[in-house]
């Protein structure tokens, strides 16, 4: 069962609305391409139909996620859980991560899934805890500095 915080649920519902609204634009592109005649060699028609399929598939995925997800509270009890922002130290490097659902992952913004190796290792830990995870280059040791 997937888990979502209220913040993630709101973001997903917004994305569903945007994709539903996008249907009109895609349909207009398909109709315009149909008016050009022969559809067998019409790149615009093929492109619009592919976009329509991807859009509908994403809507279905997100609606299924919303229907099946368990909404969880963001943890603020001193233990790491979904929704927490965590500051960790590894060697001389300090990094800040946010624990999110797999659907909320954004590595550029340091949002990691609670299902990732680092995310799983962080769950339930407290400030001051130390732990290590296995990586392709070997074990990486971390120390938890701060939890928000």
Foldseek 3Di string as FASTA:
>chain_A
DFEAEPVRLVVLVVVLVVLVVCLVVLVVQLVVQVVVPDPVPRPSNVVSVVVNVVSVVSNVVSVVCSVPYDYDHQDDPQAHDAQKWWWKDWPNDIDIAHEGDPVPDDVVVRYDYCPDQVNVVRGGDGQQDKDWTQDPVGIIIMGTHDMD
